[in-house]
Amino acid sequence: MFKNLITYRIGEGWTADAKLLAEQLAKEPFLPCAPTQPLAVGWAPPRGIEHAPLVEVVDGHWLVKLKREVRLLPSSVVQERVDELAEHIEETTGRKPGKKAKKDLKEQAQHELLPRAFTKTSATQVWIAPQQGLLFVDAGSSSRADEVITLLIQASPGLSLQLVQTAESPAAVMAAWLMDGVTPEGFQIERECELKGSDEQKPVVRYARHPLDIDEVRAHLTSGKMPTRLALSWQGRVAFTLTEGFAIKKISFLDLAFEGRAETSGDEAFDADLALATGELGRLIPALIEGLGGEHDFAAGAAPAPVPAALPQPTAEEALGDAPPW
């Protein structure tokens, strides 16, 4: 359901109304690229079914989806067409096109080629936990998350978002975990990490499928290298990679999370996936924030804000009945 999560705190004053948000998003629906349109962005049903709700609500958690389609037009293809047009002008007029003329030729070439260009479609999911005042973007980069957040704020007046920052630096805390091998309860260091130096050379050391409780890793830390990524698992249920910027990447659910899962299909499977993802991650993320010293309270300087409570869990009946896990 989710592969990467960037976490935001929802500001005060926003009306958490799923029906209202759906109406707001419906004003900017996703429509495929027109023949000469290079990019199309809009909101689409998370369930992937035409005319389904734009805001899905399962166990008090909301899911919305931003869809984008881009026409793939390599610069080399455009330049080849520009050269052809410029050559034709030179042959017919005896003069080479100048800088301004070539800029116009580039626009002409793009306009000609766009209708024949292939399109690539992608989607970014947004998980909203209104009771906890948290919002998560399933994005692998901050630039993609920024695009989604900007469009969401534009769509929903009154919505303000602040990146969640922890009271203690994730890099410093990860370094301490690696140095002494002691992690917060429930968390375990796995076999991948990236260490980066701060000197002019900015050396990088990466470990993959390798034990990290070794003197070599501690020597890198002692020399000044800091963790930028560290693979962790939580209670044997979820594996993930934590970054220095408190992004959660490479999320995967382990066998223990699927115990007792009922066989589902269609709409029930979608609800089950969302219930499991929000249930497991809704407990993991508050525990991770607590392990990093709590949430930084910007209104009170460096003092940590209270750690958000674990997000609501489905009942046993919901998990195994109408809304089974994952």
Protein backbone atom coordinates (compact mmCIF):
# COMPACT_ATOMS: atom_id res chain seq x y z
CA MET A 1 0.00 0.00 0.00
CA PHE A 2 2.78 2.46 0.96
CA LYS A 3 6.45 2.29 -0.06
CA ASN A 4 7.80 5.62 1.23
CA LEU A 5 6.38 8.11 3.72
CA ILE A 6 7.15 11.76 4.38
CA THR A 7 5.34 12.96 7.51
CA TYR A 8 3.58 16.31 8.04
CA ARG A 9 1.79 17.89 10.98
CA ILE A 10 -1.59 19.41 10.08
CA GLY A 11 -1.94 22.97 11.35
CA GLU A 12 -4.80 24.12 13.53
CA GLY A 13 -7.95 25.56 12.03
CA TRP A 14 -8.50 23.09 9.20
CA THR A 15 -11.93 21.48 8.99
CA ALA A 16 -11.40 17.71 8.81
CA ASP A 17 -14.39 16.79 6.68
CA ALA A 18 -13.86 13.95 4.19
CA LYS A 19 -16.96 14.81 2.15
CA LEU A 20 -15.92 18.45 1.88
CA LEU A 21 -12.39 17.51 0.88
CA ALA A 22 -13.75 15.21 -1.84
CA GLU A 23 -15.83 18.08 -3.21
CA GLN A 24 -12.77 20.34 -3.20
CA LEU A 25 -10.59 17.79 -4.99
CA ALA A 26 -13.33 17.21 -7.58
CA LYS A 27 -12.68 20.74 -8.87
CA GLU A 28 -9.25 19.60 -10.10
CA PRO A 29 -9.81 16.07 -11.44
CA PHE A 30 -7.18 14.19 -13.37
CA LEU A 31 -7.66 14.40 -17.12
CA PRO A 32 -5.25 12.71 -19.55
CA CYS A 33 -2.86 14.87 -21.55
CA ALA A 34 -4.30 16.60 -24.59
CA PRO A 35 -2.32 15.94 -27.82
CA THR A 36 -0.05 18.97 -27.36
CA GLN A 37 -0.07 19.03 -23.55
CA PRO A 38 3.27 18.00 -21.97
CA LEU A 39 1.93 17.35 -18.45
CA ALA A 40 -1.41 16.65 -16.80
CA VAL A 41 -1.93 16.53 -13.02
CA GLY A 42 -5.11 16.04 -11.03
CA TRP A 43 -6.90 14.07 -8.33
CA ALA A 44 -8.11 10.54 -9.05
CA PRO A 45 -10.02 7.85 -7.10
CA PRO A 46 -7.57 5.98 -4.83
CA ARG A 47 -9.44 2.74 -5.49
CA GLY A 48 -8.58 3.02 -9.19
CA ILE A 49 -12.21 2.68 -10.26
CA GLU A 50 -13.81 5.37 -12.40
CA HIS A 51 -16.36 7.50 -10.51
CA ALA A 52 -15.30 6.01 -7.14
CA PRO A 53 -14.86 8.50 -4.24
CA LEU A 54 -11.87 10.82 -4.37
CA VAL A 55 -11.44 10.37 -0.61
CA GLU A 56 -11.53 6.82 0.71
CA VAL A 57 -12.20 6.44 4.42
CA VAL A 58 -11.29 3.22 6.25
CA ASP A 59 -11.21 2.96 10.06
CA GLY A 60 -11.00 6.75 10.40
CA HIS A 61 -8.08 7.07 8.00
CA TRP A 62 -8.36 8.86 4.67
CA LEU A 63 -6.62 8.09 1.40
CA VAL A 64 -6.40 10.42 -1.61
CA LYS A 65 -4.38 10.10 -4.81
CA LEU A 66 -2.73 12.60 -7.11
CA LYS A 67 -2.26 11.29 -10.63
CA ARG A 68 0.13 12.72 -13.22
CA GLU A 69 0.73 11.98 -16.86
CA VAL A 70 3.73 13.29 -18.77
CA ARG A 71 4.55 13.08 -22.46
CA LEU A 72 8.03 11.66 -22.97
CA LEU A 73 9.84 13.80 -25.49
CA PRO A 74 13.63 13.28 -25.38
CA SER A 75 15.66 16.44 -25.91
CA SER A 76 17.73 14.64 -28.55
CA VAL A 77 14.61 14.04 -30.66
CA VAL A 78 13.59 17.69 -30.32
CA GLN A 79 17.08 18.85 -31.27
CA GLU A 80 17.10 16.60 -34.32
CA ARG A 81 13.88 18.18 -35.53
CA VAL A 82 15.21 21.69 -34.78
CA ASP A 83 18.28 20.93 -36.89
CA GLU A 84 16.08 19.74 -39.76
CA LEU A 85 13.99 22.90 -39.63
CA ALA A 86 17.08 25.13 -39.39
CA GLU A 87 18.68 23.36 -42.33
CA HIS A 88 15.55 23.86 -44.42
CA ILE A 89 15.51 27.59 -43.61
CA GLU A 90 19.18 27.92 -44.54
CA GLU A 91 18.61 26.11 -47.85
CA THR A 92 15.62 28.25 -48.79
CA THR A 93 16.85 31.65 -47.55
CA GLY A 94 20.61 31.28 -47.56
CA ARG A 95 20.85 32.43 -43.94
CA LYS A 96 21.29 30.45 -40.73
CA PRO A 97 18.62 31.03 -38.08
CA GLY A 98 19.80 33.19 -35.16
CA LYS A 99 19.41 32.50 -31.46
CA LYS A 100 15.85 33.84 -31.22
CA ALA A 101 14.82 32.02 -34.40
CA LYS A 102 16.19 28.74 -33.04
CA LYS A 103 14.20 29.21 -29.83
CA ASP A 104 11.06 29.59 -31.94
CA LEU A 105 12.05 26.51 -33.93
CA LYS A 106 12.39 24.52 -30.72
CA GLU A 107 8.86 25.48 -29.68
CA GLN A 108 7.62 24.54 -33.15
CA ALA A 109 9.39 21.18 -32.97
CA GLN A 110 7.92 20.39 -29.56
CA HIS A 111 4.45 21.32 -30.78
CA GLU A 112 4.84 19.01 -33.79
CA LEU A 113 6.29 16.08 -31.84
CA LEU A 114 4.16 16.09 -28.67
CA PRO A 115 1.08 14.40 -30.24
CA ARG A 116 3.30 11.47 -31.24
CA ALA A 117 5.12 11.18 -27.91
CA PHE A 118 4.50 8.29 -25.55
CA THR A 119 2.95 9.07 -22.19
CA LYS A 120 3.96 7.87 -18.74
CA THR A 121 1.47 7.81 -15.89
CA SER A 122 2.27 7.76 -12.17
CA ALA A 123 0.38 8.36 -8.95
CA THR A 124 1.20 9.57 -5.44
CA GLN A 125 -0.92 8.54 -2.48
CA VAL A 126 -1.68 10.73 0.53
CA TRP A 127 -2.69 9.18 3.85
CA ILE A 128 -4.46 11.52 6.26
CA ALA A 129 -4.96 10.67 9.93
CA PRO A 130 -7.27 13.54 10.98
CA GLN A 131 -7.70 12.42 14.60
CA GLN A 132 -3.94 12.60 15.14
CA GLY A 133 -3.43 15.70 12.97
CA LEU A 134 -0.93 13.90 10.75
CA LEU A 135 -0.60 13.62 6.99
CA PHE A 136 1.75 11.31 5.07
CA VAL A 137 2.83 11.49 1.43
CA ASP A 138 3.95 8.28 -0.23
CA ALA A 139 6.78 9.89 -2.20
CA GLY A 140 10.36 8.89 -2.80
CA SER A 141 11.62 12.47 -3.10
CA SER A 142 10.94 15.78 -1.41
CA SER A 143 10.28 17.44 -4.79
CA ARG A 144 7.44 15.04 -5.58
CA ALA A 145 6.05 15.47 -2.06
CA ASP A 146 6.23 19.26 -2.45
CA GLU A 147 4.19 19.06 -5.65
CA VAL A 148 1.48 17.02 -3.94
CA ILE A 149 1.39 19.21 -0.84
CA THR A 150 1.21 22.41 -2.88
CA LEU A 151 -1.76 21.15 -4.90
CA LEU A 152 -3.50 19.78 -1.81
CA ILE A 153 -3.20 23.11 0.03
CA GLN A 154 -4.49 24.94 -3.05
CA ALA A 155 -7.47 22.59 -3.21
CA SER A 156 -8.39 22.81 0.46
CA PRO A 157 -8.43 26.38 1.86
CA GLY A 158 -7.36 26.58 5.49
CA LEU A 159 -5.07 23.54 5.27
CA SER A 160 -1.52 24.20 6.48
CA LEU A 161 1.22 21.59 6.82
CA GLN A 162 4.58 21.48 8.55
CA LEU A 163 7.18 18.77 8.04
CA VAL A 164 7.49 16.74 11.20
CA GLN A 165 10.94 17.16 12.71
CA THR A 166 12.16 15.23 15.70
CA ALA A 167 13.76 16.82 18.76
CA GLU A 168 16.95 14.85 18.17
CA SER A 169 18.72 14.58 14.83
CA PRO A 170 17.94 11.23 13.16
CA ALA A 171 21.55 11.03 11.93
CA ALA A 172 22.97 11.51 15.44
CA VAL A 173 20.55 9.01 16.96
CA MET A 174 21.22 6.42 14.24
CA ALA A 175 24.95 6.86 14.88
CA ALA A 176 24.39 6.15 18.57
CA TRP A 177 22.35 3.05 17.75
CA LEU A 178 25.11 1.75 15.50
CA MET A 179 27.85 2.60 17.99
CA ASP A 180 26.40 0.83 21.02
CA GLY A 181 23.87 -1.51 19.39
CA VAL A 182 21.05 -0.28 21.65
CA THR A 183 17.81 0.71 19.91
CA PRO A 184 14.38 1.73 21.29
CA GLU A 185 12.16 -1.15 22.35
CA GLY A 186 10.70 -2.99 19.37
CA PHE A 187 13.26 -1.75 16.83
CA GLN A 188 16.08 -3.80 15.40
CA ILE A 189 18.99 -2.77 13.18
CA GLU A 190 19.04 -4.71 9.91
CA ARG A 191 21.82 -5.21 7.36
CA GLU A 192 21.96 -2.04 5.28
CA CYS A 193 23.19 1.48 5.93
CA GLU A 194 24.89 4.44 4.30
CA LEU A 195 27.56 6.51 6.05
CA LYS A 196 28.74 9.86 4.70
CA GLY A 197 31.67 12.05 5.68
CA SER A 198 31.49 15.81 6.09
CA ASP A 199 34.92 16.81 4.76
CA GLU A 200 35.63 18.20 1.29
CA GLN A 201 35.81 14.76 -0.31
CA LYS A 202 32.45 13.75 1.23
CA PRO A 203 33.32 10.04 1.27
CA VAL A 204 30.42 7.59 1.24
CA VAL A 205 30.43 4.04 2.59
CA ARG A 206 27.51 1.72 1.90
CA TYR A 207 26.77 -1.63 3.47
CA ALA A 208 24.24 -4.00 1.88
CA ARG A 209 23.28 -7.42 3.21
CA HIS A 210 26.07 -7.02 5.76
CA PRO A 211 26.12 -7.17 9.57
CA LEU A 212 26.54 -3.70 11.05
CA ASP A 213 27.60 -4.58 14.61
CA ILE A 214 31.28 -4.66 13.62
CA ASP A 215 34.36 -2.63 14.53
CA GLU A 216 34.68 -1.35 10.95
CA VAL A 217 31.35 0.48 11.16
CA ARG A 218 32.23 1.93 14.56
CA ALA A 219 35.58 3.10 13.17
CA HIS A 220 33.79 4.98 10.36
CA LEU A 221 31.57 6.64 12.95
CA THR A 222 34.53 7.56 15.12
CA SER A 223 36.24 9.13 12.10
CA GLY A 224 33.29 11.49 11.63
CA LYS A 225 31.06 9.75 9.12
CA MET A 226 27.34 9.97 9.92
CA PRO A 227 24.48 7.67 8.91
CA THR A 228 22.26 9.04 6.15
CA ARG A 229 20.22 5.83 5.82
CA LEU A 230 19.72 2.87 8.12
CA ALA A 231 17.64 -0.26 7.59
CA LEU A 232 15.46 -1.15 10.57
CA SER A 233 12.63 -3.47 11.46
CA TRP A 234 9.91 -3.04 14.04
CA GLN A 235 8.49 -5.86 16.18
CA GLY A 236 9.15 -8.31 13.36
CA ARG A 237 6.18 -6.81 11.52
CA VAL A 238 7.53 -3.99 9.34
CA ALA A 239 10.89 -3.43 7.65
CA PHE A 240 11.92 0.05 6.48
CA THR A 241 14.83 2.43 5.95
CA LEU A 242 15.11 5.61 8.02
CA THR A 243 16.87 8.62 6.47
CA GLU A 244 18.67 11.56 8.06
CA GLY A 245 15.70 13.77 7.11
CA PHE A 246 13.15 11.52 8.88
CA ALA A 247 11.82 10.06 5.65
CA ILE A 248 10.69 6.45 5.87
CA LYS A 249 11.60 4.46 2.77
CA LYS A 250 11.48 0.92 1.38
CA ILE A 251 8.53 -0.05 3.60
CA SER A 252 7.65 -3.73 3.53
CA PHE A 253 5.35 -5.75 5.73
CA LEU A 254 6.78 -8.93 7.21
CA ASP A 255 5.14 -12.31 7.73
CA LEU A 256 4.07 -11.57 11.30
CA ALA A 257 1.91 -8.68 10.08
CA PHE A 258 -0.08 -11.06 7.89
CA GLU A 259 -0.93 -13.62 10.56
CA GLY A 260 -4.66 -14.25 10.71
CA ARG A 261 -5.26 -12.49 7.42
CA ALA A 262 -8.48 -13.59 5.72
CA GLU A 263 -8.57 -14.18 1.97
CA THR A 264 -10.07 -11.15 0.25
CA SER A 265 -10.53 -9.78 -3.24
CA GLY A 266 -11.83 -6.68 -4.99
CA ASP A 267 -13.02 -3.85 -2.76
CA GLU A 268 -12.51 -5.95 0.37
CA ALA A 269 -8.84 -6.42 -0.53
CA PHE A 270 -8.37 -2.66 -0.94
CA ASP A 271 -9.96 -2.00 2.45
CA ALA A 272 -7.86 -4.77 3.99
CA ASP A 273 -4.65 -3.36 2.52
CA LEU A 274 -5.38 0.10 3.85
CA ALA A 275 -6.45 -1.20 7.26
CA LEU A 276 -3.25 -3.17 7.69
CA ALA A 277 -0.95 -0.42 6.39
CA THR A 278 -2.44 2.31 8.56
CA GLY A 279 -2.72 -0.05 11.54
CA GLU A 280 0.91 -1.16 11.51
CA LEU A 281 2.46 2.15 10.47
CA GLY A 282 0.11 4.02 12.78
CA ARG A 283 1.84 2.34 15.72
CA LEU A 284 5.34 2.29 14.27
CA ILE A 285 5.64 6.00 13.44
CA PRO A 286 4.74 7.35 16.91
CA ALA A 287 7.17 4.83 18.43
CA LEU A 288 9.87 5.98 16.02
CA ILE A 289 9.25 9.65 16.84
CA GLU A 290 9.51 8.82 20.54
CA GLY A 291 12.78 6.99 19.89
CA LEU A 292 14.13 10.18 18.29
CA GLY A 293 13.32 12.34 21.29
CA GLY A 294 9.74 13.27 20.44
CA GLU A 295 8.39 15.77 17.96
CA HIS A 296 10.07 19.17 17.77
CA ASP A 297 7.66 21.86 18.96
CA PHE A 298 8.33 24.92 16.80
CA ALA A 299 6.14 27.11 18.99
CA ALA A 300 8.24 26.32 22.04
CA GLY A 301 11.68 26.30 20.51
CA ALA A 302 13.63 23.09 20.92
CA ALA A 303 11.33 21.49 23.48
CA PRO A 304 9.81 18.25 22.16
CA ALA A 305 6.08 18.10 21.68
CA PRO A 306 4.15 15.13 23.09
CA VAL A 307 4.57 12.06 20.96
CA PRO A 308 1.34 11.36 19.03
CA ALA A 309 -0.58 8.38 20.27
CA ALA A 310 -0.64 5.29 18.13
CA LEU A 311 -3.20 5.61 15.39
CA PRO A 312 -6.50 3.74 15.87
CA GLN A 313 -6.37 -0.02 15.34
CA PRO A 314 -9.10 -2.13 13.74
CA THR A 315 -10.89 -4.54 16.07
CA ALA A 316 -10.34 -8.27 15.72
CA GLU A 317 -13.74 -8.55 14.04
CA GLU A 318 -12.85 -5.79 11.57
CA ALA A 319 -9.44 -7.29 10.93
CA LEU A 320 -10.78 -10.74 10.13
CA GLY A 321 -14.26 -9.86 8.88
CA ASP A 322 -15.51 -7.02 6.75
CA ALA A 323 -12.23 -5.09 6.95
CA PRO A 324 -9.46 -7.71 7.23
CA PRO A 325 -5.83 -6.66 7.51
CA TRP A 326 -3.67 -5.94 4.43
